[in-house]
PDB file of N, CA and C in Angstrom:
ATOM      1  N   MET A   1      33.328  74.683  41.397  1.00  0.00           N
ATOM      2  CA  MET A   1      32.272  75.153  41.166  1.00  0.00           C
ATOM      3  C   MET A   1      31.845  74.045  42.451  1.00  0.00           C
ATOM      4  N   LEU A   2      30.999  75.033  43.361  1.00  0.00           N
ATOM      5  CA  LEU A   2      30.513  74.491  44.794  1.00  0.00           C
ATOM      6  C   LEU A   2      28.951  74.382  45.087  1.00  0.00           C
ATOM      7  N   GLU A   3      28.682  73.289  45.104  1.00  0.00           N
ATOM      8  CA  GLU A   3      27.073  73.468  45.556  1.00  0.00           C
ATOM      9  C   GLU A   3      26.524  72.381  46.855  1.00  0.00           C
ATOM     10  N   ASP A   4      25.772  72.974  47.651  1.00  0.00           N
ATOM     11  CA  ASP A   4      25.408  72.221  48.912  1.00  0.00           C
ATOM     12  C   ASP A   4      25.205  71.209  48.981  1.00  0.00           C
ATOM     13  N   THR A   5      24.011  70.870  48.350  1.00  0.00           N
ATOM     14  CA  THR A   5      23.137  69.427  47.620  1.00  0.00           C
ATOM     15  C   THR A   5      22.591  69.278  46.154  1.00  0.00           C
ATOM     16  N   VAL A   6      22.598  68.349  45.703  1.00  0.00           N
ATOM     17  CA  VAL A   6      22.263  67.695  44.888  1.00  0.00           C
ATOM     18  C   VAL A   6      21.522  66.360  44.968  1.00  0.00           C
ATOM     19  N   THR A   7      19.584  66.526  44.422  1.00  0.00           N
ATOM     20  CA  THR A   7      19.002  65.801  44.349  1.00  0.00           C
ATOM     21  C   THR A   7      18.441  65.338  42.958  1.00  0.00           C
ATOM     22  N   LYS A   8      19.010  66.046  42.015  1.00  0.00           N
ATOM     23  CA  LYS A   8      18.761  66.137  40.440  1.00  0.00           C
ATOM     24  C   LYS A   8      19.792  66.759  39.810  1.00  0.00           C
ATOM     25  N   GLU A   9      20.211  65.850  38.861  1.00  0.00           N
ATOM     26  CA  GLU A   9      21.363  66.415  38.432  1.00  0.00           C
ATOM     27  C   GLU A   9      21.129  67.357  37.360  1.00  0.00           C
ATOM     28  N   GLY A  10      20.289  67.227  37.182  1.00  0.00           N
ATOM     29  CA  GLY A  10      19.647  68.776  35.652  1.00  0.00           C
ATOM     30  C   GLY A  10      20.369  69.809  36.480  1.00  0.00           C
ATOM     31  N   THR A  11      19.692  70.437  37.403  1.00  0.00           N
ATOM     32  CA  THR A  11      19.821  71.369  37.784  1.00  0.00           C
ATOM     33  C   THR A  11      21.648  71.746  38.134  1.00  0.00           C
ATOM     34  N   LEU A  12      22.843  70.976  38.822  1.00  0.00           N
ATOM     35  CA  LEU A  12      23.830  70.952  38.320  1.00  0.00           C
ATOM     36  C   LEU A  12      24.739  71.346  37.009  1.00  0.00           C
ATOM     37  N   LEU A  13      24.143  70.672  36.333  1.00  0.00           N
ATOM     38  CA  LEU A  13      24.364  70.233  34.749  1.00  0.00           C
ATOM     39  C   LEU A  13      24.007  71.882  34.006  1.00  0.00           C
ATOM     40  N   GLU A  14      22.763  71.813  34.299  1.00  0.00           N
ATOM     41  CA  GLU A  14      22.701  73.570  34.034  1.00  0.00           C
ATOM     42  C   GLU A  14      23.406  74.861  34.573  1.00  0.00           C
ATOM     43  N   ALA A  15      23.600  74.920  35.709  1.00  0.00           N
ATOM     44  CA  ALA A  15      24.323  75.672  36.043  1.00  0.00           C
ATOM     45  C   ALA A  15      26.002  75.471  35.311  1.00  0.00           C
ATOM     46  N   ILE A  16      26.316  74.397  35.331  1.00  0.00           N
ATOM     47  CA  ILE A  16      27.749  74.310  34.566  1.00  0.00           C
ATOM     48  C   ILE A  16      27.224  74.867  33.203  1.00  0.00           C
ATOM     49  N   GLY A  17      26.531  74.362  32.571  1.00  0.00           N
ATOM     50  CA  GLY A  17      26.553  75.220  31.274  1.00  0.00           C
ATOM     51  C   GLY A  17      25.807  76.822  31.098  1.00  0.00           C
ATOM     52  N   VAL A  18      25.283  77.388  32.301  1.00  0.00           N
ATOM     53  CA  VAL A  18      25.696  78.611  32.284  1.00  0.00           C
ATOM     54  C   VAL A  18      27.001  79.030  32.297  1.00  0.00           C
ATOM     55  N   ALA A  19      27.200  79.142  33.112  1.00  0.00           N
ATOM     56  CA  ALA A  19      28.797  79.222  33.815  1.00  0.00           C
ATOM     57  C   ALA A  19      30.262  78.863  32.843  1.00  0.00           C
ATOM     58  N   GLU A  20      29.742  77.850  31.638  1.00  0.00           N
ATOM     59  CA  GLU A  20      30.366  77.755  30.500  1.00  0.00           C
ATOM     60  C   GLU A  20      29.959  78.815  29.616  1.00  0.00           C
ATOM     61  N   SER A  21      28.845  79.408  29.072  1.00  0.00           N
ATOM     62  CA  SER A  21      28.563  79.509  28.519  1.00  0.00           C
ATOM     63  C   SER A  21      29.175  81.450  28.738  1.00  0.00           C
ATOM     64  N   GLU A  22      29.627  81.742  30.074  1.00  0.00           N
ATOM     65  CA  GLU A  22      29.860  83.283  30.401  1.00  0.00           C
ATOM     66  C   GLU A  22      31.532  83.165  30.086  1.00  0.00           C
ATOM     67  N   SER A  23      32.124  82.203  29.351  1.00  0.00           N
ATOM     68  CA  SER A  23      33.310  81.929  29.001  1.00  0.00           C
ATOM     69  C   SER A  23      34.127  81.482  30.632  1.00  0.00           C
ATOM     70  N   LEU A  24      33.368  80.737  31.541  1.00  0.00           N
ATOM     71  CA  LEU A  24      34.111  80.370  32.888  1.00  0.00           C
ATOM     72  C   LEU A  24      34.563  78.595  32.624  1.00  0.00           C
ATOM     73  N   HIS A  25      35.577  78.808  32.867  1.00  0.00           N
ATOM     74  CA  HIS A  25      36.103  77.488  33.064  1.00  0.00           C
ATOM     75  C   HIS A  25      35.551  76.125  33.640  1.00  0.00           C
ATOM     76  N   ILE A  26      35.307  75.269  34.078  1.00  0.00           N
ATOM     77  CA  ILE A  26      34.979  74.436  35.680  1.00  0.00           C
ATOM     78  C   ILE A  26      36.096  73.599  35.786  1.00  0.00           C
ATOM     79  N   VAL A  27      37.059  73.778  36.538  1.00  0.00           N
ATOM     80  CA  VAL A  27      37.827  72.365  36.878  1.00  0.00           C
ATOM     81  C   VAL A  27      37.669  71.599  38.178  1.00  0.00           C
ATOM     82  N   GLN A  28      36.714  72.194  39.085  1.00  0.00           N
ATOM     83  CA  GLN A  28      35.896  70.520  39.639  1.00  0.00           C
ATOM     84  C   GLN A  28      35.062  70.982  40.046  1.00  0.00           C
ATOM     85  N   VAL A  29      33.906  69.948  40.640  1.00  0.00           N
ATOM     86  CA  VAL A  29      32.695  69.860  41.294  1.00  0.00           C
ATOM     87  C   VAL A  29      32.961  69.840  42.523  1.00  0.00           C
ATOM     88  N   LEU A  30      32.559  70.704  43.572  1.00  0.00           N
ATOM     89  CA  LEU A  30      32.345  70.200  45.470  1.00  0.00           C
ATOM     90  C   LEU A  30      31.157  70.159  45.162  1.00  0.00           C
ATOM     91  N   VAL A  31      30.228  68.879  45.826  1.00  0.00           N
ATOM     92  CA  VAL A  31      29.263  68.859  46.623  1.00  0.00           C
ATOM     93  C   VAL A  31      28.830  68.302  47.880  1.00  0.00           C
ATOM     94  N   LEU A  32      28.362  68.967  48.671  1.00  0.00           N
ATOM     95  CA  LEU A  32      28.433  69.168  50.546  1.00  0.00           C
ATOM     96  C   LEU A  32      27.862  67.613  50.370  1.00  0.00           C
ATOM     97  N   ALA A  33      26.316  67.836  49.894  1.00  0.00           N
ATOM     98  CA  ALA A  33      25.312  66.099  49.946  1.00  0.00           C
ATOM     99  C   ALA A  33      25.129  66.018  48.797  1.00  0.00           C
ATOM    100  N   ASP A  34      25.306  64.604  48.251  1.00  0.00           N
ATOM    101  CA  ASP A  34      24.766  64.092  47.079  1.00  0.00           C
ATOM    102  C   ASP A  34      23.373  63.284  47.115  1.00  0.00           C
ATOM    103  N   GLY A  35      22.449  63.634  47.081  1.00  0.00           N
ATOM    104  CA  GLY A  35      21.259  62.852  47.237  1.00  0.00           C
ATOM    105  C   GLY A  35      21.098  62.064  45.704  1.00  0.00           C
ATOM    106  N   SER A  36      21.974  62.393  44.759  1.00  0.00           N
ATOM    107  CA  SER A  36      21.270  61.316  43.679  1.00  0.00           C
ATOM    108  C   SER A  36      21.687  60.171  43.190  1.00  0.00           C
ATOM    109  N   ARG A  37      22.123  59.707  44.449  1.00  0.00           N
ATOM    110  CA  ARG A  37      22.538  58.125  44.298  1.00  0.00           C
ATOM    111  C   ARG A  37      23.490  58.116  43.352  1.00  0.00           C
ATOM    112  N   GLY A  38      24.488  59.213  43.156  1.00  0.00           N
ATOM    113  CA  GLY A  38      25.673  59.146  42.587  1.00  0.00           C
ATOM    114  C   GLY A  38      25.907  59.292  40.828  1.00  0.00           C
ATOM    115  N   GLU A  39      24.035  59.546  40.436  1.00  0.00           N
ATOM    116  CA  GLU A  39      24.005  59.900  39.024  1.00  0.00           C
ATOM    117  C   GLU A  39      24.663  61.229  38.773  1.00  0.00           C
ATOM    118  N   ALA A  40      24.412  62.294  39.597  1.00  0.00           N
ATOM    119  CA  ALA A  40      25.230  63.325  39.344  1.00  0.00           C
ATOM    120  C   ALA A  40      26.643  63.332  38.928  1.00  0.00           C
ATOM    121  N   GLY A  41      27.588  62.708  40.001  1.00  0.00           N
ATOM    122  CA  GLY A  41      28.697  62.560  39.764  1.00  0.00           C
ATOM    123  C   GLY A  41      29.086  61.737  38.303  1.00  0.00           C
ATOM    124  N   ARG A  42      28.144  60.837  37.834  1.00  0.00           N
ATOM    125  CA  ARG A  42      28.373  59.964  36.725  1.00  0.00           C
ATOM    126  C   ARG A  42      28.655  61.173  35.516  1.00  0.00           C
ATOM    127  N   LEU A  43      27.524  62.209  35.461  1.00  0.00           N
ATOM    128  CA  LEU A  43      26.894  62.635  34.319  1.00  0.00           C
ATOM    129  C   LEU A  43      28.401  63.820  34.432  1.00  0.00           C
ATOM    130  N   ILE A  44      28.877  64.615  35.566  1.00  0.00           N
ATOM    131  CA  ILE A  44      29.946  65.393  35.594  1.00  0.00           C
ATOM    132  C   ILE A  44      30.442  64.765  34.816  1.00  0.00           C
ATOM    133  N   SER A  45      31.298  63.354  35.976  1.00  0.00           N
ATOM    134  CA  SER A  45      32.918  63.185  34.908  1.00  0.00           C
ATOM    135  C   SER A  45      32.930  63.035  33.824  1.00  0.00           C
ATOM    136  N   ALA A  46      31.679  62.374  33.342  1.00  0.00           N
ATOM    137  CA  ALA A  46      31.628  61.832  31.672  1.00  0.00           C
ATOM    138  C   ALA A  46      31.846  63.171  31.141  1.00  0.00           C
ATOM    139  N   GLN A  47      31.685  63.986  31.381  1.00  0.00           N
ATOM    140  CA  GLN A  47      32.083  65.928  30.943  1.00  0.00           C
ATOM    141  C   GLN A  47      33.670  66.112  31.124  1.00  0.00           C
ATOM    142  N   GLY A  48      34.318  65.212  32.080  1.00  0.00           N
ATOM    143  CA  GLY A  48      35.615  65.513  32.223  1.00  0.00           C
ATOM    144  C   GLY A  48      35.729  66.312  33.214  1.00  0.00           C
ATOM    145  N   ILE A  49      34.956  66.665  33.970  1.00  0.00           N
ATOM    146  CA  ILE A  49      35.159  67.411  35.068  1.00  0.00           C
ATOM    147  C   ILE A  49      35.209  66.640  36.386  1.00  0.00           C
ATOM    148  N   PRO A  50      36.161  67.202  37.018  1.00  0.00           N
ATOM    149  CA  PRO A  50      36.161  66.066  38.469  1.00  0.00           C
ATOM    150  C   PRO A  50      34.931  66.358  39.441  1.00  0.00           C
ATOM    151  N   TYR A  51      34.400  65.188  40.082  1.00  0.00           N
ATOM    152  CA  TYR A  51      33.537  65.093  41.182  1.00  0.00           C
ATOM    153  C   TYR A  51      33.436  64.898  42.688  1.00  0.00           C
ATOM    154  N   THR A  52      33.225  65.641  43.391  1.00  0.00           N
ATOM    155  CA  THR A  52      33.428  65.487  44.705  1.00  0.00           C
ATOM    156  C   THR A  52      31.899  65.423  45.297  1.00  0.00           C
ATOM    157  N   ALA A  53      31.876  64.644  46.315  1.00  0.00           N
ATOM    158  CA  ALA A  53      31.186  64.522  47.203  1.00  0.00           C
ATOM    159  C   ALA A  53      31.050  64.383  48.484  1.00  0.00           C
ATOM    160  N   VAL A  54      30.780  65.549  49.619  1.00  0.00           N
ATOM    161  CA  VAL A  54      31.087  65.361  50.839  1.00  0.00           C
ATOM    162  C   VAL A  54      31.099  64.055  51.761  1.00  0.00           C
ATOM    163  N   LEU A  55      29.476  64.127  51.450  1.00  0.00           N
ATOM    164  CA  LEU A  55      28.268  63.296  52.019  1.00  0.00           C
ATOM    165  C   LEU A  55      27.272  62.227  50.867  1.00  0.00           C
ATOM    166  N   THR A  56      26.841  61.699  50.989  1.00  0.00           N
ATOM    167  CA  THR A  56      26.208  60.757  50.408  1.00  0.00           C
ATOM    168  C   THR A  56      25.229  59.879  51.636  1.00  0.00           C
ATOM    169  N   PRO A  57      24.036  60.077  51.066  1.00  0.00           N
ATOM    170  CA  PRO A  57      22.908  59.117  51.881  1.00  0.00           C
ATOM    171  C   PRO A  57      23.901  58.217  52.838  1.00  0.00           C
ATOM    172  N   GLU A  58      24.307  56.633  52.243  1.00  0.00           N
ATOM    173  CA  GLU A  58      24.892  56.175  52.516  1.00  0.00           C
ATOM    174  C   GLU A  58      25.601  56.364  54.336  1.00  0.00           C
ATOM    175  N   ASP A  59      26.512  57.289  53.599  1.00  0.00           N
ATOM    176  CA  ASP A  59      26.975  57.850  54.465  1.00  0.00           C
ATOM    177  C   ASP A  59      26.407  58.279  56.201  1.00  0.00           C
ATOM    178  N   LEU A  60      25.304  58.660  56.350  1.00  0.00           N
ATOM    179  CA  LEU A  60      24.578  58.690  56.924  1.00  0.00           C
ATOM    180  C   LEU A  60      23.682  57.618  57.545  1.00  0.00           C
ATOM    181  N   GLY A  61      23.834  56.622  56.712  1.00  0.00           N
ATOM    182  CA  GLY A  61      23.263  55.417  57.308  1.00  0.00           C
ATOM    183  C   GLY A  61      21.931  55.436  56.720  1.00  0.00           C
ATOM    184  N   LEU A  62      21.626  56.011  55.433  1.00  0.00           N
ATOM    185  CA  LEU A  62      20.350  56.158  54.815  1.00  0.00           C
ATOM    186  C   LEU A  62      20.561  54.881  53.707  1.00  0.00           C
ATOM    187  N   SER A  63      19.448  54.631  52.957  1.00  0.00           N
ATOM    188  CA  SER A  63      19.115  53.752  52.128  1.00  0.00           C
ATOM    189  C   SER A  63      18.575  53.647  51.439  1.00  0.00           C
ATOM    190  N   GLU A  64      18.060  53.242  49.722  1.00  0.00           N
ATOM    191  CA  GLU A  64      16.771  53.438  49.087  1.00  0.00           C
ATOM    192  C   GLU A  64      15.713  52.780  50.025  1.00  0.00           C
ATOM    193  N   ASP A  65      15.801  51.567  50.685  1.00  0.00           N
ATOM    194  CA  ASP A  65      14.646  51.056  51.258  1.00  0.00           C
ATOM    195  C   ASP A  65      14.804  51.213  52.525  1.00  0.00           C
ATOM    196  N   ARG A  66      15.078  52.219  53.147  1.00  0.00           N
ATOM    197  CA  ARG A  66      15.062  52.475  54.689  1.00  0.00           C
ATOM    198  C   ARG A  66      14.095  54.109  54.651  1.00  0.00           C
ATOM    199  N   PRO A  67      12.944  53.783  55.436  1.00  0.00           N
ATOM    200  CA  PRO A  67      12.009  54.906  55.816  1.00  0.00           C
ATOM    201  C   PRO A  67      13.418  56.754  55.800  1.00  0.00           C
ATOM    202  N   GLY A  68      12.875  57.636  55.364  1.00  0.00           N
ATOM    203  CA  GLY A  68      13.565  58.773  55.421  1.00  0.00           C
ATOM    204  C   GLY A  68      14.863  59.126  54.420  1.00  0.00           C
ATOM    205  N   SER A  69      15.002  57.930  53.502  1.00  0.00           N
ATOM    206  CA  SER A  69      16.071  58.311  52.350  1.00  0.00           C
ATOM    207  C   SER A  69      15.331  58.696  51.612  1.00  0.00           C
ATOM    208  N   PRO A  70      16.404  59.650  50.864  1.00  0.00           N
ATOM    209  CA  PRO A  70      15.813  60.300  49.748  1.00  0.00           C
ATOM    210  C   PRO A  70      15.194  59.701  48.550  1.00  0.00           C
ATOM    211  N   ALA A  71      14.898  60.053  47.692  1.00  0.00           N
ATOM    212  CA  ALA A  71      14.056  59.799  46.670  1.00  0.00           C
ATOM    213  C   ALA A  71      14.845  59.576  45.377  1.00  0.00           C
TER     214      ALA A  71
END
């Protein structure tokens, strides 16, 4: 499954659930930009699905305590 951005893991988990309900087998989740602070990766990986994020806020020089950082 390919997702452009993730800020809340619930939407991605819902998409996985819908795909699986249609008998699709998710073998990998690739996210271009993960703003979930790693939470999405932890939850997806806990389901046994490999998770890869291309970019995180830290990759862009952003952190929780800096203005303009994802909430």
